[in-house]
Amino acid sequence: MIKVMIVEDDQIFLSYLCRIIASDSHLELFAAVRDGISAKHSLLRGEPDVLLVDLGLPDRSGIDVIRSARKQSVNLDIMVITIFDDESQVMACIEAGATGFLLREDITRDLVGEIKQLHAGGSPISPMIARSLLKRLCPPKLVKPMPNHEQPSLSARESEILALLAKGLSYGEIAGLLEISPHTVTTVVKKIYQKLAVHSRGEAVYEASKMGLLH
């Protein structure tokens, strides 16, 4: 079971997220709270596996909740779900310890898959956010392909999936597009991470861009 904690001040959306968690037998709702203080108290009572957190909380920034949660547990997987797409907010969340970032408009029933992907070591991220990060981290004029002998050798399938990861597609979407199983996607992504010596989608896209592996 993956224990999920939700911090969201909008009661209607909070209830919606709770229903999604309840819809899958592999997920368990650890706690559902509407402010930062309640989140702090819940985290003191136990340790969830995944934290879903909004940024616009009534008593403090969700970034403060992320920072506190990360200090308490280095193993906690944290995903931001918010309406804010400001680049500085995104970077602040990542620096605080978030490992996934989804805009509320992108939330669908596939959220279950995104949570499982996050818990498995992935970094679900909305396409718009991924594009913003790429522009910030990899200005085109600074991207220089590495000499061929220094580049990791990616198979055709690995290159194909890497390109789809860079576009922000979820593992489930990639599996459906390529007509393969989500398990196969996960296996290939792990191989990509190993070859690029990275641990997340964002790092993989960043390193691949520097190496000239994305076209």
C-alpha atoms as a PDB file:
ATOM      1  CA  MET A   1       0.000   0.000   0.000  1.00  0.00           C
ATOM      2  CA  ILE A   2       1.133   3.520  -0.812  1.00  0.00           C
ATOM      3  CA  LYS A   3       0.080   5.901   1.960  1.00  0.00           C
ATOM      4  CA  VAL A   4      -0.947   9.265   0.521  1.00  0.00           C
ATOM      5  CA  MET A   5      -1.372  12.529   2.394  1.00  0.00           C
ATOM      6  CA  ILE A   6      -3.182  15.490   0.809  1.00  0.00           C
ATOM      7  CA  VAL A   7      -2.831  19.171   1.753  1.00  0.00           C
ATOM      8  CA  GLU A   8      -5.435  21.201  -0.140  1.00  0.00           C
ATOM      9  CA  ASP A   9      -7.554  24.123   1.106  1.00  0.00           C
ATOM     10  CA  ASP A  10     -10.306  23.834  -1.533  1.00  0.00           C
ATOM     11  CA  GLN A  11     -12.825  21.429   0.028  1.00  0.00           C
ATOM     12  CA  ILE A  12     -14.388  20.436  -3.294  1.00  0.00           C
ATOM     13  CA  PHE A  13     -11.047  19.644  -4.918  1.00  0.00           C
ATOM     14  CA  LEU A  14      -9.837  17.953  -1.736  1.00  0.00           C
ATOM     15  CA  SER A  15     -12.859  15.644  -1.831  1.00  0.00           C
ATOM     16  CA  TYR A  16     -12.174  14.948  -5.505  1.00  0.00           C
ATOM     17  CA  LEU A  17      -8.577  13.949  -4.739  1.00  0.00           C
ATOM     18  CA  CYS A  18      -9.748  11.748  -1.868  1.00  0.00           C
ATOM     19  CA  ARG A  19     -12.130   9.919  -4.191  1.00  0.00           C
ATOM     20  CA  ILE A  20      -9.325   9.266  -6.645  1.00  0.00           C
ATOM     21  CA  ILE A  21      -7.145   7.817  -3.875  1.00  0.00           C
ATOM     22  CA  ALA A  22     -10.031   5.631  -2.682  1.00  0.00           C
ATOM     23  CA  SER A  23     -10.589   4.322  -6.213  1.00  0.00           C
ATOM     24  CA  ASP A  24      -7.377   2.270  -6.229  1.00  0.00           C
ATOM     25  CA  SER A  25      -6.724  -0.681  -3.931  1.00  0.00           C
ATOM     26  CA  HIS A  26      -2.978   0.022  -3.859  1.00  0.00           C
ATOM     27  CA  LEU A  27      -3.421   3.507  -2.391  1.00  0.00           C
ATOM     28  CA  GLU A  28      -4.358   4.382   1.169  1.00  0.00           C
ATOM     29  CA  LEU A  29      -5.405   7.844   2.369  1.00  0.00           C
ATOM     30  CA  PHE A  30      -3.061   8.692   5.245  1.00  0.00           C
ATOM     31  CA  ALA A  31      -4.516  12.146   5.908  1.00  0.00           C
ATOM     32  CA  ALA A  32      -6.429  14.932   4.149  1.00  0.00           C
ATOM     33  CA  VAL A  33      -5.987  18.425   5.613  1.00  0.00           C
ATOM     34  CA  ARG A  34      -6.689  21.988   4.508  1.00  0.00           C
ATOM     35  CA  ASP A  35      -3.884  24.078   6.034  1.00  0.00           C
ATOM     36  CA  GLY A  36      -0.217  24.061   6.938  1.00  0.00           C
ATOM     37  CA  ILE A  37      -0.653  23.673  10.700  1.00  0.00           C
ATOM     38  CA  SER A  38      -2.836  20.595  10.267  1.00  0.00           C
ATOM     39  CA  ALA A  39      -0.295  19.206   7.826  1.00  0.00           C
ATOM     40  CA  LYS A  40       2.468  19.644  10.391  1.00  0.00           C
ATOM     41  CA  HIS A  41       0.474  17.856  13.085  1.00  0.00           C
ATOM     42  CA  SER A  42      -0.399  14.983  10.751  1.00  0.00           C
ATOM     43  CA  LEU A  43       3.241  14.501   9.774  1.00  0.00           C
ATOM     44  CA  LEU A  44       4.229  14.372  13.432  1.00  0.00           C
ATOM     45  CA  ARG A  45       1.828  11.466  13.970  1.00  0.00           C
ATOM     46  CA  GLY A  46       3.294   9.304  11.243  1.00  0.00           C
ATOM     47  CA  GLU A  47       5.022   9.161   7.902  1.00  0.00           C
ATOM     48  CA  PRO A  48       3.150   8.878   4.593  1.00  0.00           C
ATOM     49  CA  ASP A  49       4.823   7.608   1.413  1.00  0.00           C
ATOM     50  CA  VAL A  50       3.530  10.364  -0.851  1.00  0.00           C
ATOM     51  CA  LEU A  51       2.560  13.968  -0.099  1.00  0.00           C
ATOM     52  CA  LEU A  52       0.273  15.893  -2.473  1.00  0.00           C
ATOM     53  CA  VAL A  53       0.389  19.577  -1.615  1.00  0.00           C
ATOM     54  CA  ASP A  54      -1.159  22.805  -2.893  1.00  0.00           C
ATOM     55  CA  LEU A  55       0.807  26.048  -2.761  1.00  0.00           C
ATOM     56  CA  GLY A  56      -1.975  28.503  -1.891  1.00  0.00           C
ATOM     57  CA  LEU A  57      -2.777  27.471   1.674  1.00  0.00           C
ATOM     58  CA  PRO A  58      -4.627  29.863   4.028  1.00  0.00           C
ATOM     59  CA  ASP A  59      -2.020  30.009   6.784  1.00  0.00           C
ATOM     60  CA  ARG A  60       1.314  29.509   5.009  1.00  0.00           C
ATOM     61  CA  SER A  61       2.886  28.709   1.686  1.00  0.00           C
ATOM     62  CA  GLY A  62       2.818  25.129   0.497  1.00  0.00           C
ATOM     63  CA  ILE A  63       6.546  25.564  -0.065  1.00  0.00           C
ATOM     64  CA  ASP A  64       6.981  25.811   3.719  1.00  0.00           C
ATOM     65  CA  VAL A  65       5.054  22.552   4.102  1.00  0.00           C
ATOM     66  CA  ILE A  66       7.306  20.910   1.501  1.00  0.00           C
ATOM     67  CA  ARG A  67      10.433  22.151   3.238  1.00  0.00           C
ATOM     68  CA  SER A  68       9.280  20.934   6.668  1.00  0.00           C
ATOM     69  CA  ALA A  69       8.152  17.568   5.322  1.00  0.00           C
ATOM     70  CA  ARG A  70      11.469  17.051   3.536  1.00  0.00           C
ATOM     71  CA  LYS A  71      13.418  17.791   6.719  1.00  0.00           C
ATOM     72  CA  GLN A  72      11.347  15.198   8.539  1.00  0.00           C
ATOM     73  CA  SER A  73      11.722  12.498   5.891  1.00  0.00           C
ATOM     74  CA  VAL A  74      14.240  12.254   3.058  1.00  0.00           C
ATOM     75  CA  ASN A  75      12.325   9.290   1.621  1.00  0.00           C
ATOM     76  CA  LEU A  76       8.985  11.072   1.280  1.00  0.00           C
ATOM     77  CA  ASP A  77       7.860  11.625  -2.318  1.00  0.00           C
ATOM     78  CA  ILE A  78       6.338  15.082  -2.709  1.00  0.00           C
ATOM     79  CA  MET A  79       4.147  16.247  -5.584  1.00  0.00           C
ATOM     80  CA  VAL A  80       2.784  19.762  -5.962  1.00  0.00           C
ATOM     81  CA  ILE A  81      -0.735  20.066  -7.374  1.00  0.00           C
ATOM     82  CA  THR A  82      -1.622  23.708  -7.928  1.00  0.00           C
ATOM     83  CA  ILE A  83      -3.039  26.371 -10.235  1.00  0.00           C
ATOM     84  CA  PHE A  84       0.212  28.371 -10.059  1.00  0.00           C
ATOM     85  CA  ASP A  85       2.624  27.988 -12.980  1.00  0.00           C
ATOM     86  CA  ASP A  86       4.994  30.820 -12.081  1.00  0.00           C
ATOM     87  CA  GLU A  87       8.548  29.778 -12.910  1.00  0.00           C
ATOM     88  CA  SER A  88       9.992  31.111  -9.654  1.00  0.00           C
ATOM     89  CA  GLN A  89       7.393  29.156  -7.662  1.00  0.00           C
ATOM     90  CA  VAL A  90       8.273  25.980  -9.539  1.00  0.00           C
ATOM     91  CA  MET A  91      11.980  26.407  -8.863  1.00  0.00           C
ATOM     92  CA  ALA A  92      11.308  27.190  -5.191  1.00  0.00           C
ATOM     93  CA  CYS A  93       9.273  23.986  -4.877  1.00  0.00           C
ATOM     94  CA  ILE A  94      12.041  21.903  -6.438  1.00  0.00           C
ATOM     95  CA  GLU A  95      14.657  23.504  -4.207  1.00  0.00           C
ATOM     96  CA  ALA A  96      12.462  22.816  -1.165  1.00  0.00           C
ATOM     97  CA  GLY A  97      12.266  19.123  -2.034  1.00  0.00           C
ATOM     98  CA  ALA A  98       9.339  18.533  -4.419  1.00  0.00           C
ATOM     99  CA  THR A  99       9.875  15.715  -6.913  1.00  0.00           C
ATOM    100  CA  GLY A 100       6.745  16.193  -9.028  1.00  0.00           C
ATOM    101  CA  PHE A 101       4.718  19.190 -10.197  1.00  0.00           C
ATOM    102  CA  LEU A 102       1.250  19.012 -11.767  1.00  0.00           C
ATOM    103  CA  LEU A 103      -1.032  21.879 -12.682  1.00  0.00           C
ATOM    104  CA  ARG A 104      -4.575  21.360 -11.442  1.00  0.00           C
ATOM    105  CA  GLU A 105      -5.910  21.649 -14.998  1.00  0.00           C
ATOM    106  CA  ASP A 106      -3.906  18.544 -15.929  1.00  0.00           C
ATOM    107  CA  ILE A 107      -5.350  16.357 -13.181  1.00  0.00           C
ATOM    108  CA  THR A 108      -7.368  13.422 -14.499  1.00  0.00           C
ATOM    109  CA  ARG A 109      -8.153   9.906 -13.360  1.00  0.00           C
ATOM    110  CA  ASP A 110      -4.574   9.076 -14.380  1.00  0.00           C
ATOM    111  CA  LEU A 111      -3.483  10.757 -11.148  1.00  0.00           C
ATOM    112  CA  VAL A 112      -3.326   7.239  -9.667  1.00  0.00           C
ATOM    113  CA  GLY A 113      -0.701   6.347 -12.250  1.00  0.00           C
ATOM    114  CA  GLU A 114       1.196   9.583 -11.584  1.00  0.00           C
ATOM    115  CA  ILE A 115       1.285   8.818  -7.856  1.00  0.00           C
ATOM    116  CA  LYS A 116       2.585   5.302  -8.493  1.00  0.00           C
ATOM    117  CA  GLN A 117       5.152   6.687 -10.921  1.00  0.00           C
ATOM    118  CA  LEU A 118       6.306   9.211  -8.308  1.00  0.00           C
ATOM    119  CA  HIS A 119       6.595   6.504  -5.642  1.00  0.00           C
ATOM    120  CA  ALA A 120       8.573   4.315  -8.069  1.00  0.00           C
ATOM    121  CA  GLY A 121      11.201   7.011  -8.492  1.00  0.00           C
ATOM    122  CA  GLY A 122       9.763   9.053 -11.350  1.00  0.00           C
ATOM    123  CA  SER A 123       8.990  12.767 -11.471  1.00  0.00           C
ATOM    124  CA  PRO A 124       5.557  13.502 -12.968  1.00  0.00           C
ATOM    125  CA  ILE A 125       5.452  17.011 -14.334  1.00  0.00           C
ATOM    126  CA  SER A 126       2.952  18.958 -16.414  1.00  0.00           C
ATOM    127  CA  PRO A 127       4.108  19.598 -20.006  1.00  0.00           C
ATOM    128  CA  MET A 128       3.889  23.379 -19.596  1.00  0.00           C
ATOM    129  CA  ILE A 129       6.083  23.246 -16.510  1.00  0.00           C
ATOM    130  CA  ALA A 130       8.585  20.932 -18.199  1.00  0.00           C
ATOM    131  CA  ARG A 131       8.897  23.343 -21.101  1.00  0.00           C
ATOM    132  CA  SER A 132       9.396  26.270 -18.744  1.00  0.00           C
ATOM    133  CA  LEU A 133      12.146  24.435 -16.876  1.00  0.00           C
ATOM    134  CA  LEU A 134      13.900  23.483 -20.103  1.00  0.00           C
ATOM    135  CA  LYS A 135      13.916  27.093 -21.231  1.00  0.00           C
ATOM    136  CA  ARG A 136      15.337  28.172 -17.880  1.00  0.00           C
ATOM    137  CA  LEU A 137      17.943  25.430 -17.497  1.00  0.00           C
ATOM    138  CA  CYS A 138      18.960  24.851 -21.105  1.00  0.00           C
ATOM    139  CA  PRO A 139      19.059  28.014 -23.218  1.00  0.00           C
ATOM    140  CA  PRO A 140      19.582  26.851 -26.841  1.00  0.00           C
ATOM    141  CA  LYS A 141      22.750  28.897 -27.274  1.00  0.00           C
ATOM    142  CA  LEU A 142      24.352  27.029 -24.351  1.00  0.00           C
ATOM    143  CA  VAL A 143      23.466  23.526 -25.521  1.00  0.00           C
ATOM    144  CA  LYS A 144      26.507  21.948 -27.124  1.00  0.00           C
ATOM    145  CA  PRO A 145      26.535  18.295 -28.190  1.00  0.00           C
ATOM    146  CA  MET A 146      29.227  16.296 -26.468  1.00  0.00           C
ATOM    147  CA  PRO A 147      31.795  14.432 -28.559  1.00  0.00           C
ATOM    148  CA  ASN A 148      30.388  11.115 -29.740  1.00  0.00           C
ATOM    149  CA  HIS A 149      32.764   9.078 -27.628  1.00  0.00           C
ATOM    150  CA  GLU A 150      31.469  10.782 -24.480  1.00  0.00           C
ATOM    151  CA  GLN A 151      27.785  10.285 -25.214  1.00  0.00           C
ATOM    152  CA  PRO A 152      25.945   7.344 -23.686  1.00  0.00           C
ATOM    153  CA  SER A 153      24.623   4.925 -26.271  1.00  0.00           C
ATOM    154  CA  LEU A 154      20.828   4.909 -26.255  1.00  0.00           C
ATOM    155  CA  SER A 155      18.792   2.375 -28.172  1.00  0.00           C
ATOM    156  CA  ALA A 156      16.110   3.516 -30.616  1.00  0.00           C
ATOM    157  CA  ARG A 157      13.403   2.657 -28.062  1.00  0.00           C
ATOM    158  CA  GLU A 158      15.238   4.501 -25.271  1.00  0.00           C
ATOM    159  CA  SER A 159      15.638   7.595 -27.464  1.00  0.00           C
ATOM    160  CA  GLU A 160      11.969   7.432 -28.408  1.00  0.00           C
ATOM    161  CA  ILE A 161      10.791   7.236 -24.798  1.00  0.00           C
ATOM    162  CA  LEU A 162      13.275   9.911 -23.696  1.00  0.00           C
ATOM    163  CA  ALA A 163      11.820  12.294 -26.283  1.00  0.00           C
ATOM    164  CA  LEU A 164       8.297  11.635 -24.976  1.00  0.00           C
ATOM    165  CA  LEU A 165       9.467  12.163 -21.393  1.00  0.00           C
ATOM    166  CA  ALA A 166      10.857  15.535 -22.447  1.00  0.00           C
ATOM    167  CA  LYS A 167       7.408  16.474 -23.758  1.00  0.00           C
ATOM    168  CA  GLY A 168       5.940  15.820 -20.313  1.00  0.00           C
ATOM    169  CA  LEU A 169       3.952  12.676 -21.124  1.00  0.00           C
ATOM    170  CA  SER A 170       3.140  10.319 -18.255  1.00  0.00           C
ATOM    171  CA  TYR A 171       4.274   6.697 -18.247  1.00  0.00           C
ATOM    172  CA  GLY A 172       0.699   5.639 -18.998  1.00  0.00           C
ATOM    173  CA  GLU A 173       0.432   8.030 -21.937  1.00  0.00           C
ATOM    174  CA  ILE A 174       3.749   6.815 -23.343  1.00  0.00           C
ATOM    175  CA  ALA A 175       2.659   3.195 -23.006  1.00  0.00           C
ATOM    176  CA  GLY A 176      -0.584   3.893 -24.845  1.00  0.00           C
ATOM    177  CA  LEU A 177       1.113   5.882 -27.599  1.00  0.00           C
ATOM    178  CA  LEU A 178       3.778   3.237 -28.249  1.00  0.00           C
ATOM    179  CA  GLU A 179       1.382   0.339 -27.634  1.00  0.00           C
ATOM    180  CA  ILE A 180       3.551  -1.211 -24.932  1.00  0.00           C
ATOM    181  CA  SER A 181       2.912  -1.951 -21.262  1.00  0.00           C
ATOM    182  CA  PRO A 182       3.525   0.652 -18.499  1.00  0.00           C
ATOM    183  CA  HIS A 183       5.918  -1.889 -16.954  1.00  0.00           C
ATOM    184  CA  THR A 184       8.013  -1.837 -20.125  1.00  0.00           C
ATOM    185  CA  VAL A 185       8.083   1.959 -20.029  1.00  0.00           C
ATOM    186  CA  THR A 186       9.272   1.887 -16.410  1.00  0.00           C
ATOM    187  CA  THR A 187      12.019  -0.618 -17.273  1.00  0.00           C
ATOM    188  CA  VAL A 188      13.256   1.452 -20.216  1.00  0.00           C
ATOM    189  CA  VAL A 189      13.198   4.667 -18.169  1.00  0.00           C
ATOM    190  CA  LYS A 190      15.330   3.018 -15.475  1.00  0.00           C
ATOM    191  CA  LYS A 191      17.879   2.065 -18.149  1.00  0.00           C
ATOM    192  CA  ILE A 192      17.882   5.640 -19.440  1.00  0.00           C
ATOM    193  CA  TYR A 193      18.479   6.955 -15.925  1.00  0.00           C
ATOM    194  CA  GLN A 194      21.384   4.520 -15.483  1.00  0.00           C
ATOM    195  CA  LYS A 195      23.012   5.489 -18.765  1.00  0.00           C
ATOM    196  CA  LEU A 196      22.659   9.204 -18.099  1.00  0.00           C
ATOM    197  CA  ALA A 197      23.620   8.795 -14.417  1.00  0.00           C
ATOM    198  CA  VAL A 198      20.498  10.645 -13.219  1.00  0.00           C
ATOM    199  CA  HIS A 199      17.632   9.966 -10.814  1.00  0.00           C
ATOM    200  CA  SER A 200      14.638  11.883 -12.173  1.00  0.00           C
ATOM    201  CA  ARG A 201      12.832  12.954 -15.338  1.00  0.00           C
ATOM    202  CA  GLY A 202      13.995  16.544 -14.988  1.00  0.00           C
ATOM    203  CA  GLU A 203      17.639  15.521 -14.643  1.00  0.00           C
ATOM    204  CA  ALA A 204      17.336  13.112 -17.572  1.00  0.00           C
ATOM    205  CA  VAL A 205      15.898  15.784 -19.858  1.00  0.00           C
ATOM    206  CA  TYR A 206      18.481  18.319 -18.710  1.00  0.00           C
ATOM    207  CA  GLU A 207      21.459  16.012 -19.253  1.00  0.00           C
ATOM    208  CA  ALA A 208      20.112  14.709 -22.555  1.00  0.00           C
ATOM    209  CA  SER A 209      19.691  18.296 -23.772  1.00  0.00           C
ATOM    210  CA  LYS A 210      23.280  19.137 -22.854  1.00  0.00           C
ATOM    211  CA  MET A 211      24.482  16.027 -24.708  1.00  0.00           C
ATOM    212  CA  GLY A 212      22.478  16.830 -27.803  1.00  0.00           C
ATOM    213  CA  LEU A 213      20.385  13.682 -27.482  1.00  0.00           C
ATOM    214  CA  LEU A 214      17.062  15.503 -27.837  1.00  0.00           C
ATOM    215  CA  HIS A 215      15.993  16.786 -31.223  1.00  0.00           C
END
